[in-house]
PDB file of N, CA and C in Angstrom:
ATOM      1  N   UNK A   1     -80.367 209.959 -67.244  1.00  0.00           N
ATOM      2  CA  UNK A   1     -81.590 208.997 -66.677  1.00  0.00           C
ATOM      3  C   UNK A   1     -82.137 209.143 -65.386  1.00  0.00           C
ATOM      4  N   UNK A   2     -83.038 208.272 -65.297  1.00  0.00           N
ATOM      5  CA  UNK A   2     -83.704 209.171 -63.353  1.00  0.00           C
ATOM      6  C   UNK A   2     -82.855 208.680 -62.467  1.00  0.00           C
ATOM      7  N   UNK A   3     -83.946 208.980 -61.050  1.00  0.00           N
ATOM      8  CA  UNK A   3     -83.150 208.618 -60.841  1.00  0.00           C
ATOM      9  C   UNK A   3     -83.387 207.427 -59.703  1.00  0.00           C
ATOM     10  N   UNK A   4     -83.584 206.157 -59.678  1.00  0.00           N
ATOM     11  CA  UNK A   4     -85.052 205.465 -60.128  1.00  0.00           C
ATOM     12  C   UNK A   4     -83.718 204.479 -61.109  1.00  0.00           C
ATOM     13  N   UNK A   5     -83.573 204.690 -61.870  1.00  0.00           N
ATOM     14  CA  UNK A   5     -83.048 203.513 -63.402  1.00  0.00           C
ATOM     15  C   UNK A   5     -81.140 203.933 -62.415  1.00  0.00           C
ATOM     16  N   UNK A   6     -80.565 205.150 -61.934  1.00  0.00           N
ATOM     17  CA  UNK A   6     -79.167 204.964 -61.414  1.00  0.00           C
ATOM     18  C   UNK A   6     -79.669 204.182 -59.705  1.00  0.00           C
ATOM     19  N   UNK A   7     -80.014 204.738 -59.265  1.00  0.00           N
ATOM     20  CA  UNK A   7     -80.365 203.330 -58.275  1.00  0.00           C
ATOM     21  C   UNK A   7     -80.320 201.733 -58.632  1.00  0.00           C
ATOM     22  N   UNK A   8     -80.743 201.232 -59.311  1.00  0.00           N
ATOM     23  CA  UNK A   8     -81.277 200.327 -60.121  1.00  0.00           C
ATOM     24  C   UNK A   8     -79.619 199.588 -59.984  1.00  0.00           C
ATOM     25  N   UNK A   9     -79.663 200.682 -61.394  1.00  0.00           N
ATOM     26  CA  UNK A   9     -77.956 200.061 -61.761  1.00  0.00           C
ATOM     27  C   UNK A   9     -76.416 200.632 -60.549  1.00  0.00           C
ATOM     28  N   UNK A  10     -77.000 200.690 -60.140  1.00  0.00           N
ATOM     29  CA  UNK A  10     -76.149 201.206 -58.793  1.00  0.00           C
ATOM     30  C   UNK A  10     -76.072 200.450 -58.003  1.00  0.00           C
ATOM     31  N   UNK A  11     -77.307 200.001 -57.399  1.00  0.00           N
ATOM     32  CA  UNK A  11     -78.048 198.334 -56.889  1.00  0.00           C
ATOM     33  C   UNK A  11     -76.841 196.698 -56.862  1.00  0.00           C
ATOM     34  N   UNK A  12     -77.093 196.868 -59.113  1.00  0.00           N
ATOM     35  CA  UNK A  12     -76.043 195.937 -59.631  1.00  0.00           C
ATOM     36  C   UNK A  12     -74.587 195.907 -59.743  1.00  0.00           C
ATOM     37  N   UNK A  13     -74.002 197.677 -59.249  1.00  0.00           N
ATOM     38  CA  UNK A  13     -72.732 197.251 -58.849  1.00  0.00           C
ATOM     39  C   UNK A  13     -72.596 195.849 -57.695  1.00  0.00           C
ATOM     40  N   UNK A  14     -72.159 194.671 -57.751  1.00  0.00           N
ATOM     41  CA  UNK A  14     -71.313 193.528 -57.080  1.00  0.00           C
ATOM     42  C   UNK A  14     -70.037 194.584 -56.170  1.00  0.00           C
ATOM     43  N   UNK A  15     -69.605 193.366 -56.164  1.00  0.00           N
ATOM     44  CA  UNK A  15     -67.937 193.557 -55.650  1.00  0.00           C
ATOM     45  C   UNK A  15     -67.036 192.911 -56.707  1.00  0.00           C
ATOM     46  N   UNK A  16     -68.306 191.941 -57.305  1.00  0.00           N
ATOM     47  CA  UNK A  16     -67.152 191.241 -58.789  1.00  0.00           C
ATOM     48  C   UNK A  16     -67.216 192.114 -60.060  1.00  0.00           C
ATOM     49  N   UNK A  17     -67.839 193.002 -60.196  1.00  0.00           N
ATOM     50  CA  UNK A  17     -68.304 194.020 -61.396  1.00  0.00           C
ATOM     51  C   UNK A  17     -67.179 195.252 -60.187  1.00  0.00           C
ATOM     52  N   UNK A  18     -67.757 195.562 -60.168  1.00  0.00           N
ATOM     53  CA  UNK A  18     -65.851 196.262 -59.199  1.00  0.00           C
ATOM     54  C   UNK A  18     -65.367 196.072 -59.684  1.00  0.00           C
ATOM     55  N   UNK A  19     -64.582 195.214 -59.109  1.00  0.00           N
ATOM     56  CA  UNK A  19     -63.457 194.355 -59.167  1.00  0.00           C
ATOM     57  C   UNK A  19     -62.346 194.031 -61.095  1.00  0.00           C
ATOM     58  N   UNK A  20     -64.192 193.859 -61.480  1.00  0.00           N
ATOM     59  CA  UNK A  20     -63.996 193.976 -63.829  1.00  0.00           C
ATOM     60  C   UNK A  20     -63.576 195.414 -63.181  1.00  0.00           C
ATOM     61  N   UNK A  21     -64.387 196.042 -62.891  1.00  0.00           N
ATOM     62  CA  UNK A  21     -64.353 197.586 -63.601  1.00  0.00           C
ATOM     63  C   UNK A  21     -62.682 198.301 -63.252  1.00  0.00           C
ATOM     64  N   UNK A  22     -62.694 197.894 -61.956  1.00  0.00           N
ATOM     65  CA  UNK A  22     -61.150 198.127 -60.594  1.00  0.00           C
ATOM     66  C   UNK A  22     -60.106 197.766 -61.694  1.00  0.00           C
ATOM     67  N   UNK A  23     -60.487 196.077 -63.094  1.00  0.00           N
ATOM     68  CA  UNK A  23     -58.929 195.516 -63.644  1.00  0.00           C
ATOM     69  C   UNK A  23     -58.919 196.364 -64.676  1.00  0.00           C
ATOM     70  N   UNK A  24     -59.865 197.027 -65.062  1.00  0.00           N
ATOM     71  CA  UNK A  24     -60.739 197.648 -66.498  1.00  0.00           C
ATOM     72  C   UNK A  24     -59.449 199.444 -66.497  1.00  0.00           C
ATOM     73  N   UNK A  25     -59.912 199.529 -66.005  1.00  0.00           N
ATOM     74  CA  UNK A  25     -59.202 200.480 -65.390  1.00  0.00           C
ATOM     75  C   UNK A  25     -58.232 200.659 -65.174  1.00  0.00           C
ATOM     76  N   UNK A  26     -57.475 199.881 -64.525  1.00  0.00           N
ATOM     77  CA  UNK A  26     -55.663 199.609 -64.522  1.00  0.00           C
ATOM     78  C   UNK A  26     -55.302 199.473 -65.702  1.00  0.00           C
ATOM     79  N   UNK A  27     -55.829 198.715 -66.556  1.00  0.00           N
ATOM     80  CA  UNK A  27     -55.539 197.793 -67.796  1.00  0.00           C
ATOM     81  C   UNK A  27     -55.048 199.251 -68.667  1.00  0.00           C
ATOM     82  N   UNK A  28     -56.470 200.553 -69.034  1.00  0.00           N
ATOM     83  CA  UNK A  28     -55.900 200.766 -69.742  1.00  0.00           C
ATOM     84  C   UNK A  28     -55.168 202.322 -68.779  1.00  0.00           C
ATOM     85  N   UNK A  29     -55.260 202.963 -67.371  1.00  0.00           N
ATOM     86  CA  UNK A  29     -54.414 203.040 -67.320  1.00  0.00           C
ATOM     87  C   UNK A  29     -52.445 203.241 -67.573  1.00  0.00           C
ATOM     88  N   UNK A  30     -52.533 201.560 -67.174  1.00  0.00           N
ATOM     89  CA  UNK A  30     -51.141 201.021 -67.984  1.00  0.00           C
ATOM     90  C   UNK A  30     -50.917 201.345 -69.228  1.00  0.00           C
ATOM     91  N   UNK A  31     -51.653 200.683 -70.385  1.00  0.00           N
ATOM     92  CA  UNK A  31     -51.414 200.641 -71.013  1.00  0.00           C
ATOM     93  C   UNK A  31     -51.280 202.391 -71.937  1.00  0.00           C
ATOM     94  N   UNK A  32     -51.706 203.150 -71.225  1.00  0.00           N
ATOM     95  CA  UNK A  32     -51.895 205.199 -71.325  1.00  0.00           C
ATOM     96  C   UNK A  32     -50.569 205.231 -70.891  1.00  0.00           C
ATOM     97  N   UNK A  33     -50.376 204.654 -69.530  1.00  0.00           N
ATOM     98  CA  UNK A  33     -48.833 205.077 -68.687  1.00  0.00           C
ATOM     99  C   UNK A  33     -47.156 205.055 -69.145  1.00  0.00           C
ATOM    100  N   UNK A  34     -47.915 202.867 -70.051  1.00  0.00           N
ATOM    101  CA  UNK A  34     -46.394 203.269 -70.245  1.00  0.00           C
ATOM    102  C   UNK A  34     -45.658 202.924 -72.380  1.00  0.00           C
ATOM    103  N   UNK A  35     -44.165 202.727 -71.542  1.00  0.00           N
ATOM    104  CA  UNK A  35     -43.777 203.150 -73.140  1.00  0.00           C
ATOM    105  C   UNK A  35     -44.795 201.983 -74.630  1.00  0.00           C
ATOM    106  N   UNK A  36     -44.752 202.234 -75.429  1.00  0.00           N
ATOM    107  CA  UNK A  36     -45.513 201.368 -76.789  1.00  0.00           C
ATOM    108  C   UNK A  36     -44.994 199.446 -76.205  1.00  0.00           C
ATOM    109  N   UNK A  37     -44.748 199.371 -76.090  1.00  0.00           N
ATOM    110  CA  UNK A  37     -44.122 198.279 -76.385  1.00  0.00           C
ATOM    111  C   UNK A  37     -43.917 197.638 -74.661  1.00  0.00           C
ATOM    112  N   UNK A  38     -45.037 198.447 -73.970  1.00  0.00           N
ATOM    113  CA  UNK A  38     -44.665 197.690 -73.214  1.00  0.00           C
ATOM    114  C   UNK A  38     -46.092 197.819 -72.618  1.00  0.00           C
ATOM    115  N   UNK A  39     -47.069 197.845 -73.441  1.00  0.00           N
ATOM    116  CA  UNK A  39     -48.234 197.785 -73.102  1.00  0.00           C
ATOM    117  C   UNK A  39     -48.695 196.110 -72.863  1.00  0.00           C
ATOM    118  N   UNK A  40     -50.229 196.457 -72.516  1.00  0.00           N
ATOM    119  CA  UNK A  40     -50.448 194.612 -72.277  1.00  0.00           C
ATOM    120  C   UNK A  40     -50.872 193.614 -73.959  1.00  0.00           C
ATOM    121  N   UNK A  41     -50.999 194.480 -74.495  1.00  0.00           N
ATOM    122  CA  UNK A  41     -51.498 193.556 -74.979  1.00  0.00           C
ATOM    123  C   UNK A  41     -50.543 193.739 -76.077  1.00  0.00           C
ATOM    124  N   UNK A  42     -49.156 194.482 -76.406  1.00  0.00           N
ATOM    125  CA  UNK A  42     -48.286 193.227 -76.993  1.00  0.00           C
ATOM    126  C   UNK A  42     -47.248 192.615 -75.880  1.00  0.00           C
ATOM    127  N   UNK A  43     -47.489 192.841 -74.850  1.00  0.00           N
ATOM    128  CA  UNK A  43     -46.139 191.997 -74.477  1.00  0.00           C
ATOM    129  C   UNK A  43     -47.868 190.060 -74.429  1.00  0.00           C
ATOM    130  N   UNK A  44     -48.182 190.075 -74.121  1.00  0.00           N
ATOM    131  CA  UNK A  44     -49.459 189.314 -75.324  1.00  0.00           C
ATOM    132  C   UNK A  44     -49.639 188.857 -76.342  1.00  0.00           C
ATOM    133  N   UNK A  45     -48.988 189.796 -77.010  1.00  0.00           N
ATOM    134  CA  UNK A  45     -47.970 188.704 -78.441  1.00  0.00           C
ATOM    135  C   UNK A  45     -46.452 188.954 -78.792  1.00  0.00           C
ATOM    136  N   UNK A  46     -46.329 189.033 -78.689  1.00  0.00           N
ATOM    137  CA  UNK A  46     -44.600 189.294 -77.920  1.00  0.00           C
ATOM    138  C   UNK A  46     -45.091 188.096 -77.380  1.00  0.00           C
ATOM    139  N   UNK A  47     -45.499 187.035 -75.964  1.00  0.00           N
ATOM    140  CA  UNK A  47     -46.239 185.777 -75.811  1.00  0.00           C
ATOM    141  C   UNK A  47     -45.984 184.264 -76.721  1.00  0.00           C
ATOM    142  N   UNK A  48     -46.751 185.017 -77.356  1.00  0.00           N
ATOM    143  CA  UNK A  48     -48.292 184.545 -78.369  1.00  0.00           C
ATOM    144  C   UNK A  48     -46.743 183.269 -79.607  1.00  0.00           C
ATOM    145  N   UNK A  49     -46.221 185.650 -79.723  1.00  0.00           N
ATOM    146  CA  UNK A  49     -45.167 184.161 -81.228  1.00  0.00           C
ATOM    147  C   UNK A  49     -44.144 183.421 -79.846  1.00  0.00           C
ATOM    148  N   UNK A  50     -43.303 183.953 -79.539  1.00  0.00           N
ATOM    149  CA  UNK A  50     -42.447 183.363 -78.456  1.00  0.00           C
ATOM    150  C   UNK A  50     -42.560 181.904 -78.019  1.00  0.00           C
ATOM    151  N   UNK A  51     -43.468 182.229 -76.962  1.00  0.00           N
ATOM    152  CA  UNK A  51     -44.240 181.069 -76.529  1.00  0.00           C
ATOM    153  C   UNK A  51     -45.289 180.418 -76.147  1.00  0.00           C
ATOM    154  N   UNK A  52     -45.299 180.241 -77.698  1.00  0.00           N
ATOM    155  CA  UNK A  52     -47.037 180.126 -78.366  1.00  0.00           C
ATOM    156  C   UNK A  52     -47.795 178.837 -77.396  1.00  0.00           C
ATOM    157  N   UNK A  53     -47.174 177.839 -77.570  1.00  0.00           N
ATOM    158  CA  UNK A  53     -47.830 176.851 -76.455  1.00  0.00           C
ATOM    159  C   UNK A  53     -48.265 176.669 -75.355  1.00  0.00           C
ATOM    160  N   UNK A  54     -47.688 177.323 -74.315  1.00  0.00           N
ATOM    161  CA  UNK A  54     -47.534 177.844 -73.442  1.00  0.00           C
ATOM    162  C   UNK A  54     -48.522 179.106 -72.950  1.00  0.00           C
ATOM    163  N   UNK A  55     -48.591 180.435 -73.653  1.00  0.00           N
ATOM    164  CA  UNK A  55     -48.979 181.134 -73.720  1.00  0.00           C
ATOM    165  C   UNK A  55     -50.613 180.875 -74.240  1.00  0.00           C
ATOM    166  N   UNK A  56     -50.662 179.948 -75.087  1.00  0.00           N
ATOM    167  CA  UNK A  56     -52.108 179.599 -75.565  1.00  0.00           C
ATOM    168  C   UNK A  56     -53.085 178.972 -74.741  1.00  0.00           C
ATOM    169  N   UNK A  57     -52.220 177.836 -74.148  1.00  0.00           N
ATOM    170  CA  UNK A  57     -52.886 176.956 -73.399  1.00  0.00           C
ATOM    171  C   UNK A  57     -53.143 178.351 -71.974  1.00  0.00           C
ATOM    172  N   UNK A  58     -52.186 179.267 -71.312  1.00  0.00           N
ATOM    173  CA  UNK A  58     -53.026 179.886 -70.152  1.00  0.00           C
ATOM    174  C   UNK A  58     -54.326 180.572 -71.076  1.00  0.00           C
ATOM    175  N   UNK A  59     -54.436 181.039 -71.708  1.00  0.00           N
ATOM    176  CA  UNK A  59     -55.039 182.120 -72.390  1.00  0.00           C
ATOM    177  C   UNK A  59     -57.173 181.392 -72.069  1.00  0.00           C
ATOM    178  N   UNK A  60     -56.458 179.389 -72.940  1.00  0.00           N
ATOM    179  CA  UNK A  60     -57.532 178.303 -73.115  1.00  0.00           C
ATOM    180  C   UNK A  60     -58.151 178.796 -72.040  1.00  0.00           C
ATOM    181  N   UNK A  61     -57.099 178.360 -70.831  1.00  0.00           N
ATOM    182  CA  UNK A  61     -57.901 177.773 -69.476  1.00  0.00           C
ATOM    183  C   UNK A  61     -58.778 178.490 -68.538  1.00  0.00           C
ATOM    184  N   UNK A  62     -57.795 180.283 -69.065  1.00  0.00           N
ATOM    185  CA  UNK A  62     -58.702 181.627 -68.393  1.00  0.00           C
ATOM    186  C   UNK A  62     -59.456 181.723 -69.103  1.00  0.00           C
ATOM    187  N   UNK A  63     -59.747 181.560 -70.398  1.00  0.00           N
ATOM    188  CA  UNK A  63     -61.089 181.930 -71.028  1.00  0.00           C
ATOM    189  C   UNK A  63     -62.509 180.441 -70.328  1.00  0.00           C
ATOM    190  N   UNK A  64     -62.002 179.315 -70.782  1.00  0.00           N
ATOM    191  CA  UNK A  64     -62.671 178.986 -69.756  1.00  0.00           C
ATOM    192  C   UNK A  64     -62.969 178.510 -68.896  1.00  0.00           C
ATOM    193  N   UNK A  65     -62.361 178.902 -68.148  1.00  0.00           N
ATOM    194  CA  UNK A  65     -63.198 179.492 -66.784  1.00  0.00           C
ATOM    195  C   UNK A  65     -63.420 180.319 -66.455  1.00  0.00           C
ATOM    196  N   UNK A  66     -63.822 181.690 -67.588  1.00  0.00           N
ATOM    197  CA  UNK A  66     -64.757 182.475 -67.151  1.00  0.00           C
ATOM    198  C   UNK A  66     -66.381 182.490 -67.949  1.00  0.00           C
ATOM    199  N   UNK A  67     -66.489 181.509 -69.207  1.00  0.00           N
ATOM    200  CA  UNK A  67     -67.036 180.509 -69.661  1.00  0.00           C
ATOM    201  C   UNK A  67     -67.888 179.774 -69.174  1.00  0.00           C
ATOM    202  N   UNK A  68     -67.125 178.897 -68.117  1.00  0.00           N
ATOM    203  CA  UNK A  68     -67.583 177.923 -67.244  1.00  0.00           C
ATOM    204  C   UNK A  68     -68.214 176.723 -67.777  1.00  0.00           C
ATOM    205  N   UNK A  69     -66.759 176.423 -69.574  1.00  0.00           N
ATOM    206  CA  UNK A  69     -67.520 175.356 -69.355  1.00  0.00           C
ATOM    207  C   UNK A  69     -66.756 174.466 -69.143  1.00  0.00           C
ATOM    208  N   UNK A  70     -66.213 174.023 -67.891  1.00  0.00           N
ATOM    209  CA  UNK A  70     -64.819 172.914 -67.347  1.00  0.00           C
ATOM    210  C   UNK A  70     -65.545 173.073 -66.260  1.00  0.00           C
ATOM    211  N   UNK A  71     -65.841 172.028 -64.947  1.00  0.00           N
ATOM    212  CA  UNK A  71     -65.865 171.114 -64.567  1.00  0.00           C
ATOM    213  C   UNK A  71     -65.315 171.838 -63.699  1.00  0.00           C
ATOM    214  N   UNK A  72     -65.755 172.090 -62.019  1.00  0.00           N
ATOM    215  CA  UNK A  72     -65.117 172.888 -60.798  1.00  0.00           C
ATOM    216  C   UNK A  72     -64.064 171.247 -60.893  1.00  0.00           C
ATOM    217  N   UNK A  73     -63.648 170.557 -60.664  1.00  0.00           N
ATOM    218  CA  UNK A  73     -62.892 170.080 -60.325  1.00  0.00           C
ATOM    219  C   UNK A  73     -61.783 169.630 -61.591  1.00  0.00           C
ATOM    220  N   UNK A  74     -62.602 170.168 -62.516  1.00  0.00           N
ATOM    221  CA  UNK A  74     -61.567 170.044 -64.230  1.00  0.00           C
ATOM    222  C   UNK A  74     -60.894 171.669 -64.153  1.00  0.00           C
ATOM    223  N   UNK A  75     -61.506 172.325 -63.790  1.00  0.00           N
ATOM    224  CA  UNK A  75     -61.069 173.919 -63.501  1.00  0.00           C
ATOM    225  C   UNK A  75     -59.716 174.346 -63.030  1.00  0.00           C
ATOM    226  N   UNK A  76     -58.587 174.059 -63.201  1.00  0.00           N
ATOM    227  CA  UNK A  76     -57.356 174.769 -62.244  1.00  0.00           C
ATOM    228  C   UNK A  76     -57.675 176.516 -61.402  1.00  0.00           C
ATOM    229  N   UNK A  77     -58.334 177.293 -62.276  1.00  0.00           N
ATOM    230  CA  UNK A  77     -58.244 178.394 -61.181  1.00  0.00           C
ATOM    231  C   UNK A  77     -59.780 178.329 -60.404  1.00  0.00           C
ATOM    232  N   UNK A  78     -59.842 177.049 -60.856  1.00  0.00           N
ATOM    233  CA  UNK A  78     -60.873 177.457 -59.455  1.00  0.00           C
ATOM    234  C   UNK A  78     -60.654 176.589 -58.437  1.00  0.00           C
ATOM    235  N   UNK A  79     -60.508 175.559 -58.958  1.00  0.00           N
ATOM    236  CA  UNK A  79     -58.777 174.864 -58.104  1.00  0.00           C
ATOM    237  C   UNK A  79     -57.605 175.642 -57.477  1.00  0.00           C
ATOM    238  N   UNK A  80     -57.240 176.226 -58.009  1.00  0.00           N
ATOM    239  CA  UNK A  80     -56.544 176.847 -57.060  1.00  0.00           C
ATOM    240  C   UNK A  80     -57.161 178.400 -55.782  1.00  0.00           C
ATOM    241  N   UNK A  81     -58.624 178.417 -56.191  1.00  0.00           N
ATOM    242  CA  UNK A  81     -59.185 179.460 -55.535  1.00  0.00           C
ATOM    243  C   UNK A  81     -59.473 178.993 -54.588  1.00  0.00           C
ATOM    244  N   UNK A  82     -60.043 178.034 -54.453  1.00  0.00           N
ATOM    245  CA  UNK A  82     -60.637 176.674 -53.412  1.00  0.00           C
ATOM    246  C   UNK A  82     -59.647 176.249 -52.355  1.00  0.00           C
ATOM    247  N   UNK A  83     -58.209 175.333 -52.889  1.00  0.00           N
ATOM    248  CA  UNK A  83     -56.964 175.551 -52.707  1.00  0.00           C
ATOM    249  C   UNK A  83     -56.640 176.486 -51.059  1.00  0.00           C
ATOM    250  N   UNK A  84     -56.701 177.530 -51.537  1.00  0.00           N
ATOM    251  CA  UNK A  84     -56.754 179.708 -51.398  1.00  0.00           C
ATOM    252  C   UNK A  84     -57.505 180.139 -50.113  1.00  0.00           C
ATOM    253  N   UNK A  85     -58.586 180.122 -50.426  1.00  0.00           N
ATOM    254  CA  UNK A  85     -59.411 179.902 -48.805  1.00  0.00           C
ATOM    255  C   UNK A  85     -59.656 178.609 -48.743  1.00  0.00           C
ATOM    256  N   UNK A  86     -59.192 177.618 -48.237  1.00  0.00           N
ATOM    257  CA  UNK A  86     -59.356 176.964 -47.305  1.00  0.00           C
ATOM    258  C   UNK A  86     -58.011 176.796 -46.789  1.00  0.00           C
ATOM    259  N   UNK A  87     -56.857 177.089 -47.272  1.00  0.00           N
ATOM    260  CA  UNK A  87     -55.584 177.681 -46.818  1.00  0.00           C
ATOM    261  C   UNK A  87     -56.210 178.509 -45.187  1.00  0.00           C
ATOM    262  N   UNK A  88     -56.776 179.487 -45.881  1.00  0.00           N
ATOM    263  CA  UNK A  88     -57.126 180.826 -45.327  1.00  0.00           C
ATOM    264  C   UNK A  88     -57.191 180.744 -44.431  1.00  0.00           C
ATOM    265  N   UNK A  89     -58.490 179.981 -44.644  1.00  0.00           N
ATOM    266  CA  UNK A  89     -59.966 179.772 -43.452  1.00  0.00           C
ATOM    267  C   UNK A  89     -58.743 178.928 -41.998  1.00  0.00           C
ATOM    268  N   UNK A  90     -58.655 178.116 -42.703  1.00  0.00           N
ATOM    269  CA  UNK A  90     -57.426 177.475 -41.519  1.00  0.00           C
ATOM    270  C   UNK A  90     -56.799 177.845 -40.293  1.00  0.00           C
ATOM    271  N   UNK A  91     -56.303 178.731 -41.787  1.00  0.00           N
ATOM    272  CA  UNK A  91     -55.399 179.101 -40.527  1.00  0.00           C
ATOM    273  C   UNK A  91     -55.410 180.661 -40.066  1.00  0.00           C
ATOM    274  N   UNK A  92     -57.313 181.222 -40.381  1.00  0.00           N
ATOM    275  CA  UNK A  92     -58.006 182.042 -39.342  1.00  0.00           C
ATOM    276  C   UNK A  92     -58.382 181.150 -38.235  1.00  0.00           C
ATOM    277  N   UNK A  93     -58.995 179.758 -38.681  1.00  0.00           N
ATOM    278  CA  UNK A  93     -59.264 179.284 -37.664  1.00  0.00           C
ATOM    279  C   UNK A  93     -58.261 179.200 -36.499  1.00  0.00           C
ATOM    280  N   UNK A  94     -56.724 178.545 -36.583  1.00  0.00           N
ATOM    281  CA  UNK A  94     -56.127 178.447 -36.071  1.00  0.00           C
ATOM    282  C   UNK A  94     -55.767 179.409 -35.347  1.00  0.00           C
ATOM    283  N   UNK A  95     -55.426 180.454 -35.100  1.00  0.00           N
ATOM    284  CA  UNK A  95     -55.519 181.754 -34.122  1.00  0.00           C
ATOM    285  C   UNK A  95     -56.748 181.959 -33.360  1.00  0.00           C
ATOM    286  N   UNK A  96     -57.539 182.106 -33.969  1.00  0.00           N
ATOM    287  CA  UNK A  96     -58.367 182.551 -32.954  1.00  0.00           C
ATOM    288  C   UNK A  96     -59.483 181.642 -32.640  1.00  0.00           C
ATOM    289  N   UNK A  97     -59.579 180.409 -33.379  1.00  0.00           N
ATOM    290  CA  UNK A  97     -60.233 179.209 -32.238  1.00  0.00           C
ATOM    291  C   UNK A  97     -61.555 179.344 -32.889  1.00  0.00           C
ATOM    292  N   UNK A  98     -62.143 180.037 -34.390  1.00  0.00           N
ATOM    293  CA  UNK A  98     -63.249 180.243 -34.813  1.00  0.00           C
ATOM    294  C   UNK A  98     -63.250 180.774 -35.995  1.00  0.00           C
ATOM    295  N   UNK A  99     -64.306 179.541 -36.805  1.00  0.00           N
ATOM    296  CA  UNK A  99     -64.096 179.621 -38.463  1.00  0.00           C
ATOM    297  C   UNK A  99     -63.930 180.804 -39.299  1.00  0.00           C
ATOM    298  N   UNK A 100     -63.044 181.577 -39.619  1.00  0.00           N
ATOM    299  CA  UNK A 100     -62.767 182.399 -40.276  1.00  0.00           C
ATOM    300  C   UNK A 100     -64.020 182.919 -40.940  1.00  0.00           C
ATOM    301  N   UNK A 101     -64.013 184.649 -41.907  1.00  0.00           N
ATOM    302  CA  UNK A 101     -64.811 184.898 -42.376  1.00  0.00           C
ATOM    303  C   UNK A 101     -65.864 184.656 -43.956  1.00  0.00           C
ATOM    304  N   UNK A 102     -64.390 184.137 -44.452  1.00  0.00           N
ATOM    305  CA  UNK A 102     -64.697 183.703 -46.208  1.00  0.00           C
ATOM    306  C   UNK A 102     -65.269 182.096 -45.732  1.00  0.00           C
ATOM    307  N   UNK A 103     -65.398 180.627 -44.738  1.00  0.00           N
ATOM    308  CA  UNK A 103     -66.694 180.611 -45.013  1.00  0.00           C
ATOM    309  C   UNK A 103     -67.196 180.665 -42.945  1.00  0.00           C
ATOM    310  N   UNK A 104     -68.478 181.630 -43.486  1.00  0.00           N
ATOM    311  CA  UNK A 104     -68.642 181.900 -42.498  1.00  0.00           C
ATOM    312  C   UNK A 104     -70.084 180.228 -41.813  1.00  0.00           C
ATOM    313  N   UNK A 105     -69.847 181.004 -40.053  1.00  0.00           N
ATOM    314  CA  UNK A 105     -70.494 179.295 -39.866  1.00  0.00           C
ATOM    315  C   UNK A 105     -71.622 179.044 -40.391  1.00  0.00           C
ATOM    316  N   UNK A 106     -72.792 177.810 -40.846  1.00  0.00           N
ATOM    317  CA  UNK A 106     -73.734 177.006 -41.662  1.00  0.00           C
ATOM    318  C   UNK A 106     -73.341 177.131 -42.694  1.00  0.00           C
ATOM    319  N   UNK A 107     -72.156 177.676 -43.232  1.00  0.00           N
ATOM    320  CA  UNK A 107     -71.646 176.532 -45.560  1.00  0.00           C
ATOM    321  C   UNK A 107     -71.041 175.461 -44.970  1.00  0.00           C
ATOM    322  N   UNK A 108     -71.029 174.860 -45.750  1.00  0.00           N
ATOM    323  CA  UNK A 108     -69.783 174.144 -45.563  1.00  0.00           C
ATOM    324  C   UNK A 108     -69.597 174.590 -47.194  1.00  0.00           C
ATOM    325  N   UNK A 109     -68.397 173.489 -46.737  1.00  0.00           N
ATOM    326  CA  UNK A 109     -66.213 173.865 -48.028  1.00  0.00           C
ATOM    327  C   UNK A 109     -66.756 173.412 -49.273  1.00  0.00           C
ATOM    328  N   UNK A 110     -68.245 173.111 -48.853  1.00  0.00           N
ATOM    329  CA  UNK A 110     -68.595 172.447 -49.870  1.00  0.00           C
ATOM    330  C   UNK A 110     -70.326 173.095 -50.793  1.00  0.00           C
ATOM    331  N   UNK A 111     -70.387 173.902 -49.761  1.00  0.00           N
ATOM    332  CA  UNK A 111     -71.768 175.099 -50.786  1.00  0.00           C
ATOM    333  C   UNK A 111     -70.673 176.264 -51.435  1.00  0.00           C
ATOM    334  N   UNK A 112     -71.722 176.933 -52.780  1.00  0.00           N
ATOM    335  CA  UNK A 112     -70.547 177.762 -53.426  1.00  0.00           C
ATOM    336  C   UNK A 112     -69.935 178.336 -52.841  1.00  0.00           C
ATOM    337  N   UNK A 113     -71.273 179.688 -51.725  1.00  0.00           N
ATOM    338  CA  UNK A 113     -70.942 180.601 -51.287  1.00  0.00           C
ATOM    339  C   UNK A 113     -69.240 180.738 -51.120  1.00  0.00           C
ATOM    340  N   UNK A 114     -69.353 179.430 -50.214  1.00  0.00           N
ATOM    341  CA  UNK A 114     -67.767 178.856 -49.631  1.00  0.00           C
ATOM    342  C   UNK A 114     -66.567 178.374 -50.486  1.00  0.00           C
ATOM    343  N   UNK A 115     -66.925 178.101 -51.184  1.00  0.00           N
ATOM    344  CA  UNK A 115     -66.517 177.803 -52.297  1.00  0.00           C
ATOM    345  C   UNK A 115     -65.386 178.897 -53.567  1.00  0.00           C
ATOM    346  N   UNK A 116     -66.356 179.842 -54.093  1.00  0.00           N
ATOM    347  CA  UNK A 116     -66.033 180.784 -54.443  1.00  0.00           C
ATOM    348  C   UNK A 116     -66.230 182.594 -53.783  1.00  0.00           C
TER     349      UNK A 116
END
């Protein structure tokens, strides 16, 4: 791979991409280091067998969120994120009398950059 291609690949690695890579590495490490019956895949399969409706519903919600098939108002994961960011920003404003770093000046709480 030439230097230019490496630079383009490096520039495309966003914080979100980095988080996905970190999560994948964490899962790989977990599944490598723990006893076989404690691996995440086995835990998921046990959950599906013992709590089929709950685990299946959670999986459907996560998958729907990741594929973006739910509107924001109907996406429980998105709504929890909005509520947490709002609470954090409100707390930070209360502590220092300014807007928190999550919702910078000029952004409204309805803007995508402030919500996501």
